[in-house]
Amino acid sequence: MGVLTSEAVVLRTWPFQEADLVVSLFTRDYGRLRAVAKSALKSRKRFGGALEPMTVARAWFAERPGQELGRLDQLEIIRSPLAAPVDQARMTVLSFFAEVLDEALPERDPQETVFRLAVSVLEQTRAAESDFVQPWMALTYFQLWMTRLMGLLPDVARCTTCGEPLKAGEASFNNFSDGLFCELHYNGVSSVLSADSWNLAQRMLRAPVSAFAAEPWPRRRAQDLRRFTLQSLERHLERKLRSAEALARLSG
């Protein structure tokens, strides 16, 4: 049983046996996997603060043939979300990232593009220190791109039903279908996506997350875009995300 190593993002942990923890990791080279951190509850020396959700670390672990759980030997922190002060909004956004990645990604399937997305939005969330860099920007970007990378987001510039070009302020969405719809295919349960959100979605699909860091991001900006992408994610996962409910209460 050889030891493997990879850059990884810690997603979540839960108790296992007496003093162990099961750790869900999203690794760059091996995809999402679960491993046991021996005595992690008894001694903090081996792992320290590296087991906090959304910590980026270098992981050393061993796979166990025929067993679902591997063995986690060491985590060396590369970037910690706790390196700077974290308020409730940022902590809840980090919890949302972790829950989506843990629920949406298949096991042991490397997803390089998703890994780069996670690291890039984490950097923007960690850097949120001023009125012009808020966690809502990173959250919006993450939701939009996760929806796209999971194959749940048809061309946002065209109506999903007829393929006609959409116009700002006229695109609509509903909780029963993927994609956006023109005025002709609007139905009574649809919501209209604001012109700003529609234009923003097209910009975000063409540019890195850092390109939006200097823009003002009050909490209400792109709320409808986040609602649209959240509906797609939850419809695919076939359940409500608890962190999304916490975000809704926070934003209420």
C-alpha atoms as a PDB file:
ATOM      1  CA  MET A   1       0.000   0.000   0.000  1.00  0.00           C
ATOM      2  CA  GLY A   2       2.066   2.938  -1.311  1.00  0.00           C
ATOM      3  CA  VAL A   3       1.643   6.493  -0.092  1.00  0.00           C
ATOM      4  CA  LEU A   4       0.203   8.962  -2.623  1.00  0.00           C
ATOM      5  CA  THR A   5       0.435  12.734  -2.539  1.00  0.00           C
ATOM      6  CA  SER A   6      -1.594  15.501  -4.148  1.00  0.00           C
ATOM      7  CA  GLU A   7      -2.723  19.062  -3.640  1.00  0.00           C
ATOM      8  CA  ALA A   8      -6.158  18.870  -2.027  1.00  0.00           C
ATOM      9  CA  VAL A   9      -9.075  20.859  -0.647  1.00  0.00           C
ATOM     10  CA  VAL A  10     -10.562  19.650   2.649  1.00  0.00           C
ATOM     11  CA  LEU A  11     -14.343  19.415   2.287  1.00  0.00           C
ATOM     12  CA  ARG A  12     -15.682  18.018   5.548  1.00  0.00           C
ATOM     13  CA  THR A  13     -14.868  15.753   8.487  1.00  0.00           C
ATOM     14  CA  TRP A  14     -16.874  13.562  10.840  1.00  0.00           C
ATOM     15  CA  PRO A  15     -16.014  11.348  13.853  1.00  0.00           C
ATOM     16  CA  PHE A  16     -15.050   7.733  13.291  1.00  0.00           C
ATOM     17  CA  GLN A  17     -14.516   5.165  16.038  1.00  0.00           C
ATOM     18  CA  GLU A  18     -12.959   6.598  19.242  1.00  0.00           C
ATOM     19  CA  ALA A  19     -10.534   9.350  18.267  1.00  0.00           C
ATOM     20  CA  ASP A  20     -10.358   9.165  14.472  1.00  0.00           C
ATOM     21  CA  LEU A  21     -11.881  11.407  11.830  1.00  0.00           C
ATOM     22  CA  VAL A  22     -13.079  10.549   8.349  1.00  0.00           C
ATOM     23  CA  VAL A  23     -11.949  13.326   6.013  1.00  0.00           C
ATOM     24  CA  SER A  24     -13.515  14.078   2.637  1.00  0.00           C
ATOM     25  CA  LEU A  25     -10.853  15.478   0.308  1.00  0.00           C
ATOM     26  CA  PHE A  26     -11.051  16.869  -3.198  1.00  0.00           C
ATOM     27  CA  THR A  27      -7.608  16.131  -4.628  1.00  0.00           C
ATOM     28  CA  ARG A  28      -6.221  17.606  -7.816  1.00  0.00           C
ATOM     29  CA  ASP A  29      -4.761  14.318  -9.080  1.00  0.00           C
ATOM     30  CA  TYR A  30      -7.167  11.666  -7.776  1.00  0.00           C
ATOM     31  CA  GLY A  31     -10.510  13.428  -7.446  1.00  0.00           C
ATOM     32  CA  ARG A  32     -12.763  13.287  -4.403  1.00  0.00           C
ATOM     33  CA  LEU A  33     -11.938  10.592  -1.867  1.00  0.00           C
ATOM     34  CA  ARG A  34     -12.370   9.770   1.816  1.00  0.00           C
ATOM     35  CA  ALA A  35      -9.659   8.757   4.229  1.00  0.00           C
ATOM     36  CA  VAL A  36      -9.279   8.130   7.954  1.00  0.00           C
ATOM     37  CA  ALA A  37      -7.121  10.526   9.976  1.00  0.00           C
ATOM     38  CA  LYS A  38      -5.995   8.377  12.903  1.00  0.00           C
ATOM     39  CA  SER A  39      -6.202   9.942  16.383  1.00  0.00           C
ATOM     40  CA  ALA A  40      -7.103  13.323  14.877  1.00  0.00           C
ATOM     41  CA  LEU A  41      -9.508  14.028  17.750  1.00  0.00           C
ATOM     42  CA  LYS A  42      -6.947  13.077  20.394  1.00  0.00           C
ATOM     43  CA  SER A  43      -3.924  14.995  19.108  1.00  0.00           C
ATOM     44  CA  ARG A  44      -3.845  18.147  16.997  1.00  0.00           C
ATOM     45  CA  LYS A  45      -0.096  17.931  16.364  1.00  0.00           C
ATOM     46  CA  ARG A  46      -0.280  15.848  13.189  1.00  0.00           C
ATOM     47  CA  PHE A  47      -2.937  17.889  11.415  1.00  0.00           C
ATOM     48  CA  GLY A  48      -3.286  21.142  13.359  1.00  0.00           C
ATOM     49  CA  GLY A  49      -5.754  23.499  11.656  1.00  0.00           C
ATOM     50  CA  ALA A  50      -5.423  21.703   8.327  1.00  0.00           C
ATOM     51  CA  LEU A  51      -8.724  19.862   8.800  1.00  0.00           C
ATOM     52  CA  GLU A  52     -10.824  23.031   8.625  1.00  0.00           C
ATOM     53  CA  PRO A  53     -13.237  22.964   5.638  1.00  0.00           C
ATOM     54  CA  MET A  54     -11.913  24.561   2.440  1.00  0.00           C
ATOM     55  CA  THR A  55      -8.293  24.447   3.575  1.00  0.00           C
ATOM     56  CA  VAL A  56      -5.972  23.966   0.595  1.00  0.00           C
ATOM     57  CA  ALA A  57      -3.178  21.573   1.535  1.00  0.00           C
ATOM     58  CA  ARG A  58      -0.642  19.061   0.303  1.00  0.00           C
ATOM     59  CA  ALA A  59      -2.034  15.673   1.337  1.00  0.00           C
ATOM     60  CA  TRP A  60      -0.231  12.381   1.869  1.00  0.00           C
ATOM     61  CA  PHE A  61      -2.540   9.376   1.934  1.00  0.00           C
ATOM     62  CA  ALA A  62      -2.702   5.665   1.162  1.00  0.00           C
ATOM     63  CA  GLU A  63      -5.441   3.778  -0.665  1.00  0.00           C
ATOM     64  CA  ARG A  64      -6.621   0.503   0.805  1.00  0.00           C
ATOM     65  CA  PRO A  65      -7.378  -2.115  -1.877  1.00  0.00           C
ATOM     66  CA  GLY A  66     -10.987  -3.220  -1.690  1.00  0.00           C
ATOM     67  CA  GLN A  67     -11.877  -0.642   0.971  1.00  0.00           C
ATOM     68  CA  GLU A  68     -13.841   2.571   0.593  1.00  0.00           C
ATOM     69  CA  LEU A  69     -11.774   4.531   3.108  1.00  0.00           C
ATOM     70  CA  GLY A  70      -8.089   5.277   2.666  1.00  0.00           C
ATOM     71  CA  ARG A  71      -5.598   6.373   5.313  1.00  0.00           C
ATOM     72  CA  LEU A  72      -4.677  10.042   5.658  1.00  0.00           C
ATOM     73  CA  ASP A  73      -1.130  10.419   6.948  1.00  0.00           C
ATOM     74  CA  GLN A  74      -0.378  14.128   6.708  1.00  0.00           C
ATOM     75  CA  LEU A  75      -1.701  17.525   5.579  1.00  0.00           C
ATOM     76  CA  GLU A  76       0.611  20.454   4.938  1.00  0.00           C
ATOM     77  CA  ILE A  77      -1.321  23.725   4.721  1.00  0.00           C
ATOM     78  CA  ILE A  78      -0.922  25.753   1.533  1.00  0.00           C
ATOM     79  CA  ARG A  79      -3.755  28.209   2.135  1.00  0.00           C
ATOM     80  CA  SER A  80      -6.111  28.367   5.084  1.00  0.00           C
ATOM     81  CA  PRO A  81      -9.459  30.210   5.171  1.00  0.00           C
ATOM     82  CA  LEU A  82      -8.652  31.048   8.794  1.00  0.00           C
ATOM     83  CA  ALA A  83      -5.417  32.872   7.951  1.00  0.00           C
ATOM     84  CA  ALA A  84      -7.434  36.116   7.924  1.00  0.00           C
ATOM     85  CA  PRO A  85     -10.532  37.109   9.914  1.00  0.00           C
ATOM     86  CA  VAL A  86     -13.642  35.276   8.680  1.00  0.00           C
ATOM     87  CA  ASP A  87     -17.093  36.715   9.379  1.00  0.00           C
ATOM     88  CA  GLN A  88     -20.375  34.814   9.285  1.00  0.00           C
ATOM     89  CA  ALA A  89     -21.071  35.626   5.635  1.00  0.00           C
ATOM     90  CA  ARG A  90     -17.689  34.342   4.469  1.00  0.00           C
ATOM     91  CA  MET A  91     -17.890  31.244   6.658  1.00  0.00           C
ATOM     92  CA  THR A  92     -21.323  30.387   5.246  1.00  0.00           C
ATOM     93  CA  VAL A  93     -20.096  30.874   1.682  1.00  0.00           C
ATOM     94  CA  LEU A  94     -17.140  28.551   2.411  1.00  0.00           C
ATOM     95  CA  SER A  95     -19.577  25.963   3.783  1.00  0.00           C
ATOM     96  CA  PHE A  96     -21.589  26.221   0.569  1.00  0.00           C
ATOM     97  CA  PHE A  97     -18.485  25.596  -1.568  1.00  0.00           C
ATOM     98  CA  ALA A  98     -17.626  22.533   0.510  1.00  0.00           C
ATOM     99  CA  GLU A  99     -21.139  21.080   0.449  1.00  0.00           C
ATOM    100  CA  VAL A 100     -21.562  21.466  -3.313  1.00  0.00           C
ATOM    101  CA  LEU A 101     -18.181  19.902  -4.070  1.00  0.00           C
ATOM    102  CA  ASP A 102     -18.752  17.044  -1.630  1.00  0.00           C
ATOM    103  CA  GLU A 103     -22.222  16.270  -2.984  1.00  0.00           C
ATOM    104  CA  ALA A 104     -21.748  16.917  -6.709  1.00  0.00           C
ATOM    105  CA  LEU A 105     -18.370  15.363  -7.522  1.00  0.00           C
ATOM    106  CA  PRO A 106     -18.067  11.637  -8.273  1.00  0.00           C
ATOM    107  CA  GLU A 107     -15.551   9.678  -6.234  1.00  0.00           C
ATOM    108  CA  ARG A 108     -12.027   9.145  -7.551  1.00  0.00           C
ATOM    109  CA  ASP A 109     -12.623  11.124 -10.728  1.00  0.00           C
ATOM    110  CA  PRO A 110     -10.044  13.901 -11.255  1.00  0.00           C
ATOM    111  CA  GLN A 111     -11.690  17.179 -12.202  1.00  0.00           C
ATOM    112  CA  GLU A 112      -8.855  19.598 -12.948  1.00  0.00           C
ATOM    113  CA  THR A 113     -11.112  22.440 -14.120  1.00  0.00           C
ATOM    114  CA  VAL A 114     -13.315  22.183 -11.026  1.00  0.00           C
ATOM    115  CA  PHE A 115     -10.228  22.084  -8.806  1.00  0.00           C
ATOM    116  CA  ARG A 116      -8.880  25.276 -10.381  1.00  0.00           C
ATOM    117  CA  LEU A 117     -12.309  26.874  -9.961  1.00  0.00           C
ATOM    118  CA  ALA A 118     -12.378  25.984  -6.257  1.00  0.00           C
ATOM    119  CA  VAL A 119      -8.909  27.377  -5.610  1.00  0.00           C
ATOM    120  CA  SER A 120      -9.613  30.592  -7.513  1.00  0.00           C
ATOM    121  CA  VAL A 121     -12.884  31.389  -5.715  1.00  0.00           C
ATOM    122  CA  LEU A 122     -11.268  30.544  -2.380  1.00  0.00           C
ATOM    123  CA  GLU A 123      -8.591  33.116  -3.080  1.00  0.00           C
ATOM    124  CA  GLN A 124     -11.227  35.760  -3.778  1.00  0.00           C
ATOM    125  CA  THR A 125     -13.207  34.812  -0.669  1.00  0.00           C
ATOM    126  CA  ARG A 126     -10.089  34.953   1.496  1.00  0.00           C
ATOM    127  CA  ALA A 127      -9.138  38.303  -0.014  1.00  0.00           C
ATOM    128  CA  ALA A 128     -12.507  39.841   0.828  1.00  0.00           C
ATOM    129  CA  GLU A 129     -11.328  42.665   3.060  1.00  0.00           C
ATOM    130  CA  SER A 130     -12.983  45.766   1.589  1.00  0.00           C
ATOM    131  CA  ASP A 131     -16.372  47.045   0.464  1.00  0.00           C
ATOM    132  CA  PHE A 132     -15.366  46.286  -3.118  1.00  0.00           C
ATOM    133  CA  VAL A 133     -14.543  42.601  -2.645  1.00  0.00           C
ATOM    134  CA  GLN A 134     -17.427  40.689  -1.093  1.00  0.00           C
ATOM    135  CA  PRO A 135     -18.018  36.920  -0.839  1.00  0.00           C
ATOM    136  CA  TRP A 136     -21.129  37.321  -3.013  1.00  0.00           C
ATOM    137  CA  MET A 137     -18.993  37.773  -6.126  1.00  0.00           C
ATOM    138  CA  ALA A 138     -17.040  34.552  -5.530  1.00  0.00           C
ATOM    139  CA  LEU A 139     -20.272  32.751  -4.647  1.00  0.00           C
ATOM    140  CA  THR A 140     -21.988  33.901  -7.846  1.00  0.00           C
ATOM    141  CA  TYR A 141     -19.001  32.896  -9.990  1.00  0.00           C
ATOM    142  CA  PHE A 142     -18.728  29.486  -8.312  1.00  0.00           C
ATOM    143  CA  GLN A 143     -22.426  28.668  -8.712  1.00  0.00           C
ATOM    144  CA  LEU A 144     -22.481  29.727 -12.354  1.00  0.00           C
ATOM    145  CA  TRP A 145     -19.380  27.760 -13.308  1.00  0.00           C
ATOM    146  CA  MET A 146     -20.304  24.645 -11.306  1.00  0.00           C
ATOM    147  CA  THR A 147     -23.636  24.637 -13.134  1.00  0.00           C
ATOM    148  CA  ARG A 148     -21.801  24.928 -16.446  1.00  0.00           C
ATOM    149  CA  LEU A 149     -19.181  22.266 -15.642  1.00  0.00           C
ATOM    150  CA  MET A 150     -21.865  19.820 -14.501  1.00  0.00           C
ATOM    151  CA  GLY A 151     -23.571  20.179 -17.884  1.00  0.00           C
ATOM    152  CA  LEU A 152     -26.651  21.921 -16.467  1.00  0.00           C
ATOM    153  CA  LEU A 153     -26.258  25.275 -18.197  1.00  0.00           C
ATOM    154  CA  PRO A 154     -27.227  25.592 -21.883  1.00  0.00           C
ATOM    155  CA  ASP A 155     -26.158  28.681 -23.831  1.00  0.00           C
ATOM    156  CA  VAL A 156     -27.291  31.657 -21.724  1.00  0.00           C
ATOM    157  CA  ALA A 157     -27.417  33.873 -24.813  1.00  0.00           C
ATOM    158  CA  ARG A 158     -30.183  31.830 -26.482  1.00  0.00           C
ATOM    159  CA  CYS A 159     -33.597  30.480 -25.590  1.00  0.00           C
ATOM    160  CA  THR A 160     -33.379  26.831 -24.555  1.00  0.00           C
ATOM    161  CA  THR A 161     -36.641  26.012 -26.338  1.00  0.00           C
ATOM    162  CA  CYS A 162     -36.370  27.762 -29.697  1.00  0.00           C
ATOM    163  CA  GLY A 163     -32.717  28.799 -29.911  1.00  0.00           C
ATOM    164  CA  GLU A 164     -33.513  32.442 -30.625  1.00  0.00           C
ATOM    165  CA  PRO A 165     -31.155  35.092 -29.217  1.00  0.00           C
ATOM    166  CA  LEU A 166     -32.242  36.431 -25.839  1.00  0.00           C
ATOM    167  CA  LYS A 167     -32.480  40.108 -24.922  1.00  0.00           C
ATOM    168  CA  ALA A 168     -31.392  41.756 -21.684  1.00  0.00           C
ATOM    169  CA  GLY A 169     -34.260  41.975 -19.220  1.00  0.00           C
ATOM    170  CA  GLU A 170     -36.403  39.437 -21.108  1.00  0.00           C
ATOM    171  CA  ALA A 171     -34.681  36.124 -20.267  1.00  0.00           C
ATOM    172  CA  SER A 172     -36.579  33.969 -17.781  1.00  0.00           C
ATOM    173  CA  PHE A 173     -35.992  30.759 -15.827  1.00  0.00           C
ATOM    174  CA  ASN A 174     -38.048  28.285 -13.842  1.00  0.00           C
ATOM    175  CA  ASN A 175     -37.484  25.498 -11.348  1.00  0.00           C
ATOM    176  CA  PHE A 176     -38.442  22.686 -13.721  1.00  0.00           C
ATOM    177  CA  SER A 177     -36.054  23.103 -16.669  1.00  0.00           C
ATOM    178  CA  ASP A 178     -32.411  23.916 -17.327  1.00  0.00           C
ATOM    179  CA  GLY A 179     -31.505  27.050 -19.233  1.00  0.00           C
ATOM    180  CA  LEU A 180     -33.149  30.386 -20.003  1.00  0.00           C
ATOM    181  CA  PHE A 181     -36.230  31.170 -22.053  1.00  0.00           C
ATOM    182  CA  CYS A 182     -37.401  34.005 -24.325  1.00  0.00           C
ATOM    183  CA  GLU A 183     -40.613  36.006 -23.862  1.00  0.00           C
ATOM    184  CA  LEU A 184     -42.486  33.661 -26.203  1.00  0.00           C
ATOM    185  CA  HIS A 185     -41.676  30.656 -24.008  1.00  0.00           C
ATOM    186  CA  TYR A 186     -42.160  32.388 -20.680  1.00  0.00           C
ATOM    187  CA  ASN A 187     -44.687  30.591 -18.483  1.00  0.00           C
ATOM    188  CA  GLY A 188     -46.578  31.527 -15.363  1.00  0.00           C
ATOM    189  CA  VAL A 189     -44.082  29.938 -12.953  1.00  0.00           C
ATOM    190  CA  SER A 190     -41.025  31.591 -14.504  1.00  0.00           C
ATOM    191  CA  SER A 191     -38.903  34.368 -13.027  1.00  0.00           C
ATOM    192  CA  VAL A 192     -37.289  37.058 -15.146  1.00  0.00           C
ATOM    193  CA  LEU A 193     -33.503  37.383 -14.915  1.00  0.00           C
ATOM    194  CA  SER A 194     -32.478  41.022 -14.554  1.00  0.00           C
ATOM    195  CA  ALA A 195     -30.536  42.669 -17.364  1.00  0.00           C
ATOM    196  CA  ASP A 196     -27.492  43.123 -15.088  1.00  0.00           C
ATOM    197  CA  SER A 197     -27.490  39.448 -14.082  1.00  0.00           C
ATOM    198  CA  TRP A 198     -27.933  38.231 -17.655  1.00  0.00           C
ATOM    199  CA  ASN A 199     -25.052  40.375 -18.900  1.00  0.00           C
ATOM    200  CA  LEU A 200     -22.983  39.386 -15.874  1.00  0.00           C
ATOM    201  CA  ALA A 201     -23.485  35.668 -16.563  1.00  0.00           C
ATOM    202  CA  GLN A 202     -22.123  36.073 -20.085  1.00  0.00           C
ATOM    203  CA  ARG A 203     -19.136  38.058 -18.829  1.00  0.00           C
ATOM    204  CA  MET A 204     -18.348  35.552 -16.078  1.00  0.00           C
ATOM    205  CA  LEU A 205     -18.348  32.665 -18.530  1.00  0.00           C
ATOM    206  CA  ARG A 206     -15.632  34.426 -20.519  1.00  0.00           C
ATOM    207  CA  ALA A 207     -13.325  35.786 -17.811  1.00  0.00           C
ATOM    208  CA  PRO A 208     -11.477  34.621 -14.664  1.00  0.00           C
ATOM    209  CA  VAL A 209     -12.961  35.362 -11.254  1.00  0.00           C
ATOM    210  CA  SER A 210     -10.214  37.885 -10.502  1.00  0.00           C
ATOM    211  CA  ALA A 211     -11.559  40.109 -13.314  1.00  0.00           C
ATOM    212  CA  PHE A 212     -14.588  40.953 -11.150  1.00  0.00           C
ATOM    213  CA  ALA A 213     -12.796  41.630  -7.875  1.00  0.00           C
ATOM    214  CA  ALA A 214     -12.728  45.418  -8.252  1.00  0.00           C
ATOM    215  CA  GLU A 215     -16.457  45.794  -8.927  1.00  0.00           C
ATOM    216  CA  PRO A 216     -18.884  46.757  -6.150  1.00  0.00           C
ATOM    217  CA  TRP A 217     -20.666  43.634  -4.863  1.00  0.00           C
ATOM    218  CA  PRO A 218     -23.479  44.448  -2.468  1.00  0.00           C
ATOM    219  CA  ARG A 219     -25.384  41.441  -1.197  1.00  0.00           C
ATOM    220  CA  ARG A 220     -28.355  42.007  -3.492  1.00  0.00           C
ATOM    221  CA  ARG A 221     -26.359  42.078  -6.709  1.00  0.00           C
ATOM    222  CA  ALA A 222     -27.014  38.980  -8.882  1.00  0.00           C
ATOM    223  CA  GLN A 223     -29.306  37.377  -6.289  1.00  0.00           C
ATOM    224  CA  ASP A 224     -31.581  36.231  -9.115  1.00  0.00           C
ATOM    225  CA  LEU A 225     -28.617  34.701 -10.963  1.00  0.00           C
ATOM    226  CA  ARG A 226     -27.641  32.810  -7.822  1.00  0.00           C
ATOM    227  CA  ARG A 227     -31.251  31.646  -7.395  1.00  0.00           C
ATOM    228  CA  PHE A 228     -31.299  30.431 -11.010  1.00  0.00           C
ATOM    229  CA  THR A 229     -28.083  28.411 -10.682  1.00  0.00           C
ATOM    230  CA  LEU A 230     -28.994  27.096  -7.219  1.00  0.00           C
ATOM    231  CA  GLN A 231     -32.252  25.711  -8.591  1.00  0.00           C
ATOM    232  CA  SER A 232     -30.295  23.829 -11.248  1.00  0.00           C
ATOM    233  CA  LEU A 233     -27.803  22.447  -8.726  1.00  0.00           C
ATOM    234  CA  GLU A 234     -30.462  21.300  -6.267  1.00  0.00           C
ATOM    235  CA  ARG A 235     -32.585  19.795  -9.033  1.00  0.00           C
ATOM    236  CA  HIS A 236     -29.571  17.753 -10.169  1.00  0.00           C
ATOM    237  CA  LEU A 237     -28.626  16.720  -6.614  1.00  0.00           C
ATOM    238  CA  GLU A 238     -32.287  15.975  -5.836  1.00  0.00           C
ATOM    239  CA  ARG A 239     -32.119  17.634  -2.448  1.00  0.00           C
ATOM    240  CA  LYS A 240     -31.936  21.010  -0.737  1.00  0.00           C
ATOM    241  CA  LEU A 241     -28.498  22.240   0.253  1.00  0.00           C
ATOM    242  CA  ARG A 242     -28.332  23.084   3.956  1.00  0.00           C
ATOM    243  CA  SER A 243     -25.684  25.749   3.418  1.00  0.00           C
ATOM    244  CA  ALA A 244     -27.933  27.420   0.825  1.00  0.00           C
ATOM    245  CA  GLU A 245     -30.683  27.635   3.427  1.00  0.00           C
ATOM    246  CA  ALA A 246     -28.197  29.235   5.820  1.00  0.00           C
ATOM    247  CA  LEU A 247     -27.219  31.726   3.116  1.00  0.00           C
ATOM    248  CA  ALA A 248     -30.878  32.572   2.517  1.00  0.00           C
ATOM    249  CA  ARG A 249     -31.370  33.328   6.209  1.00  0.00           C
ATOM    250  CA  LEU A 250     -28.193  35.391   6.217  1.00  0.00           C
ATOM    251  CA  SER A 251     -29.317  37.377   3.177  1.00  0.00           C
ATOM    252  CA  GLY A 252     -32.893  37.789   4.274  1.00  0.00           C
END
